[in-house]
Protein backbone atom coordinates (compact mmCIF):
# COMPACT_ATOMS: atom_id res chain seq x y z
CA MET A 1 -0.06 0.04 0.04
CA GLU A 2 1.34 3.41 -1.02
CA ARG A 3 1.43 5.79 2.01
CA SER A 4 1.32 9.51 1.71
CA ILE A 5 1.60 12.40 4.07
CA GLY A 6 -0.32 15.67 3.97
CA MET A 7 0.17 18.88 5.94
CA VAL A 8 -1.83 22.08 6.28
CA GLU A 9 -0.31 24.95 8.20
CA PHE A 10 -2.61 27.53 9.68
CA SER A 11 -2.04 31.11 11.07
CA SER A 12 -4.88 30.62 13.63
CA ILE A 13 -4.73 27.92 16.26
CA ALA A 14 -8.53 27.79 16.64
CA ARG A 15 -9.08 27.47 12.90
CA GLY A 16 -6.28 24.79 12.76
CA ILE A 17 -8.09 22.61 15.41
CA TYR A 18 -11.44 23.07 13.66
CA ALA A 19 -10.00 22.16 10.18
CA ALA A 20 -8.07 19.21 11.58
CA ASP A 21 -11.38 17.80 12.86
CA GLN A 22 -12.91 18.23 9.49
CA MET A 23 -9.86 16.69 7.88
CA VAL A 24 -10.07 13.40 9.58
CA LYS A 25 -14.05 13.31 9.37
CA ILE A 26 -13.93 13.61 5.49
CA SER A 27 -11.63 10.80 4.64
CA ASP A 28 -9.85 7.63 6.02
CA VAL A 29 -6.67 9.27 7.37
CA GLU A 30 -4.69 9.10 10.55
CA ILE A 31 -3.33 12.21 12.37
CA VAL A 32 0.49 11.96 12.56
CA THR A 33 0.40 15.24 14.54
CA ALA A 34 -1.81 18.16 15.12
CA SER A 35 -0.60 20.81 17.39
CA SER A 36 0.28 24.40 17.89
CA VAL A 37 3.86 25.45 16.74
CA CYS A 38 5.75 28.72 17.13
CA PRO A 39 5.09 31.48 16.41
CA GLY A 40 1.34 30.99 17.37
CA LYS A 41 0.55 28.75 14.33
CA TYR A 42 -1.08 25.32 14.05
CA ILE A 43 -0.18 22.35 11.87
CA ALA A 44 -2.19 19.36 11.07
CA ILE A 45 -0.27 16.31 9.50
CA VAL A 46 -2.19 13.33 8.25
CA ASN A 47 -1.22 10.04 6.51
CA GLY A 48 -3.05 7.34 4.63
CA GLU A 49 -3.54 6.28 1.01
CA VAL A 50 -2.88 9.01 -1.48
CA ALA A 51 -6.57 9.64 -2.54
CA ALA A 52 -7.62 9.98 1.12
CA VAL A 53 -4.79 12.37 2.04
CA LYS A 54 -5.48 14.54 -0.94
CA GLU A 55 -9.10 14.78 -0.07
CA SER A 56 -8.28 15.53 3.54
CA VAL A 57 -5.70 18.26 2.60
CA GLN A 58 -8.09 19.76 0.15
CA LYS A 59 -10.72 19.93 2.94
CA GLY A 60 -8.07 21.44 5.34
CA THR A 61 -7.11 24.14 3.00
CA ALA A 62 -10.78 25.04 2.10
CA GLU A 63 -11.65 25.24 5.87
CA ALA A 64 -8.47 27.37 6.46
CA GLY A 65 -9.70 30.22 4.37
CA GLU A 66 -7.75 33.44 5.25
CA PHE A 67 -5.78 31.47 7.88
CA LEU A 68 -3.90 29.21 5.40
CA VAL A 69 -0.18 29.49 5.58
CA ASP A 70 0.89 26.47 3.40
CA SER A 71 -0.17 22.91 2.50
CA ILE A 72 1.72 19.99 1.07
CA ILE A 73 1.01 16.40 -0.10
CA ILE A 74 3.86 13.88 -0.52
CA PRO A 75 2.66 10.65 -2.28
CA ASN A 76 4.85 7.60 -1.43
CA VAL A 77 6.58 9.36 1.49
CA HIS A 78 9.60 7.61 2.96
CA PRO A 79 8.52 5.65 5.96
CA GLY A 80 11.37 7.23 8.02
CA VAL A 81 9.54 10.57 7.95
CA PHE A 82 6.70 9.42 10.32
CA PRO A 83 8.80 8.38 13.26
CA ALA A 84 11.00 11.47 12.84
CA ILE A 85 7.98 13.85 13.14
CA VAL A 86 6.71 12.40 16.29
CA GLY A 87 10.12 11.74 17.92
CA THR A 88 10.13 7.99 18.01
CA ALA A 89 12.97 7.43 15.52
CA ASP A 90 15.67 5.34 17.38
CA PRO A 91 18.56 4.76 15.01
CA PRO A 92 20.65 1.70 16.12
CA GLU A 93 23.82 3.76 15.96
CA ILE A 94 24.94 7.23 14.79
CA ASP A 95 27.76 7.36 12.21
CA ALA A 96 28.01 10.80 10.62
CA LEU A 97 25.40 13.28 11.46
CA GLY A 98 23.46 15.63 9.17
CA ILE A 99 21.63 18.68 10.32
CA ILE A 100 19.57 20.87 8.01
CA GLU A 101 17.60 23.93 9.05
CA SER A 102 14.74 25.71 7.31
CA TYR A 103 12.58 28.86 7.61
CA SER A 104 9.58 26.75 6.36
CA LEU A 105 7.89 23.85 8.13
CA SER A 106 6.24 22.54 5.01
CA ALA A 107 9.42 22.84 2.94
CA MET A 108 11.32 21.04 5.62
CA VAL A 109 9.09 18.04 5.44
CA ILE A 110 9.54 17.91 1.58
CA ALA A 111 13.29 18.12 2.08
CA ALA A 112 13.46 15.41 4.74
CA ASP A 113 11.64 13.06 2.44
CA ALA A 114 14.02 13.89 -0.40
CA ILE A 115 17.05 13.41 1.94
CA LEU A 116 15.79 9.96 3.14
CA LYS A 117 15.11 8.84 -0.47
CA SER A 118 18.53 10.02 -1.71
CA ALA A 119 20.83 7.55 0.05
CA GLU A 120 21.07 4.90 2.75
CA LEU A 121 20.17 7.27 5.62
CA THR A 122 18.28 6.99 8.92
CA ALA A 123 16.12 9.73 10.24
CA ILE A 124 16.66 10.98 13.88
CA GLU A 125 14.28 13.84 14.35
CA LEU A 126 12.21 16.26 12.22
CA ARG A 127 11.47 19.16 14.47
CA LEU A 128 8.68 21.48 13.18
CA GLY A 129 8.29 24.87 14.79
CA THR A 130 7.85 23.97 18.40
CA GLY A 131 10.25 26.07 20.51
CA LEU A 132 11.95 27.19 17.31
CA GLY A 133 10.44 30.52 16.42
CA GLY A 134 8.63 29.01 13.44
CA LYS A 135 11.76 27.29 11.95
CA ALA A 136 12.23 23.60 11.37
CA TYR A 137 15.25 21.28 11.38
CA PHE A 138 16.04 17.63 10.45
CA THR A 139 18.76 15.49 11.88
CA PHE A 140 19.77 12.17 10.18
CA THR A 141 22.56 9.77 10.13
CA GLY A 142 24.47 7.35 7.91
CA GLU A 143 27.88 6.98 6.33
CA VAL A 144 29.74 10.26 5.75
CA ALA A 145 29.31 10.16 1.90
CA ALA A 146 25.55 9.37 2.30
CA VAL A 147 25.13 12.19 4.79
CA ASN A 148 26.95 14.72 2.48
CA ASN A 149 24.75 13.59 -0.39
CA GLY A 150 21.61 14.03 1.79
CA ILE A 151 22.76 17.49 2.82
CA GLU A 152 23.35 18.34 -0.91
CA VAL A 153 19.85 17.00 -1.85
CA GLY A 154 18.14 18.86 1.15
CA SER A 155 20.03 22.02 0.51
CA LYS A 156 18.88 22.09 -3.13
CA SER A 157 15.26 21.38 -2.13
CA LEU A 158 15.18 24.14 0.41
CA GLY A 159 17.49 26.50 -1.64
CA ASP A 160 15.13 26.15 -4.70
CA SER A 161 12.32 27.57 -2.43
CA GLY A 162 14.44 29.99 -0.77
CA PHE A 163 13.78 28.46 2.77
CA LEU A 164 17.43 27.10 3.46
CA LEU A 165 18.80 28.53 6.71
CA ASN A 166 21.86 26.32 7.29
CA SER A 167 23.18 22.81 7.04
CA GLU A 168 26.04 20.99 8.83
CA VAL A 169 27.74 17.59 8.64
CA ILE A 170 29.52 16.11 11.59
CA ALA A 171 31.67 13.19 10.27
CA SER A 172 32.20 11.56 13.78
CA PRO A 173 29.98 13.15 16.46
CA SER A 174 30.90 12.89 20.10
CA ARG A 175 28.93 10.33 22.03
CA LYS A 176 28.25 13.13 24.57
CA LEU A 177 26.44 15.06 21.80
CA ILE A 178 24.54 12.01 20.55
CA PHE A 179 22.82 11.48 23.89
CA SER A 180 21.42 15.15 23.69
CA LEU A 181 19.88 14.68 20.26
CA TYR A 182 16.91 12.49 21.29
């Protein structure tokens, strides 16, 4: 079964909660996360089969009205994106570490999917807005060459949209740092 992910970002928390309810009532999707994010916005992320996610996101964007910030749909999303969003990714070990940072939550989800599809990489965390002043970042691991490739792919994705803030690769991160990542 092809899984997809959809996200709607709202400038109003109240409208976001209302629209998230409508999104899950209209089609057979599951909520990945629906929560307030900095700076005073709300995101609703759903997953399911492509047609259901499209219907859900269309409903969310229609209900958002003037409070719509952005929306995305990624068909056939990399399965590592889901645990990274909800903070349940638990990589067996961390080799090289890639960190990429964005001004856009939606663009970061798209970039994270592209990064994970670009090489043999494992997601660590995809942090979307909470405690970040509206920014987002993605951390991932793999062999140094794969992480460098992932950073290149993610930087191109975010750079093309103008949302790349910064990216870094740590070839051999300290174990002391690793324990602080998740």
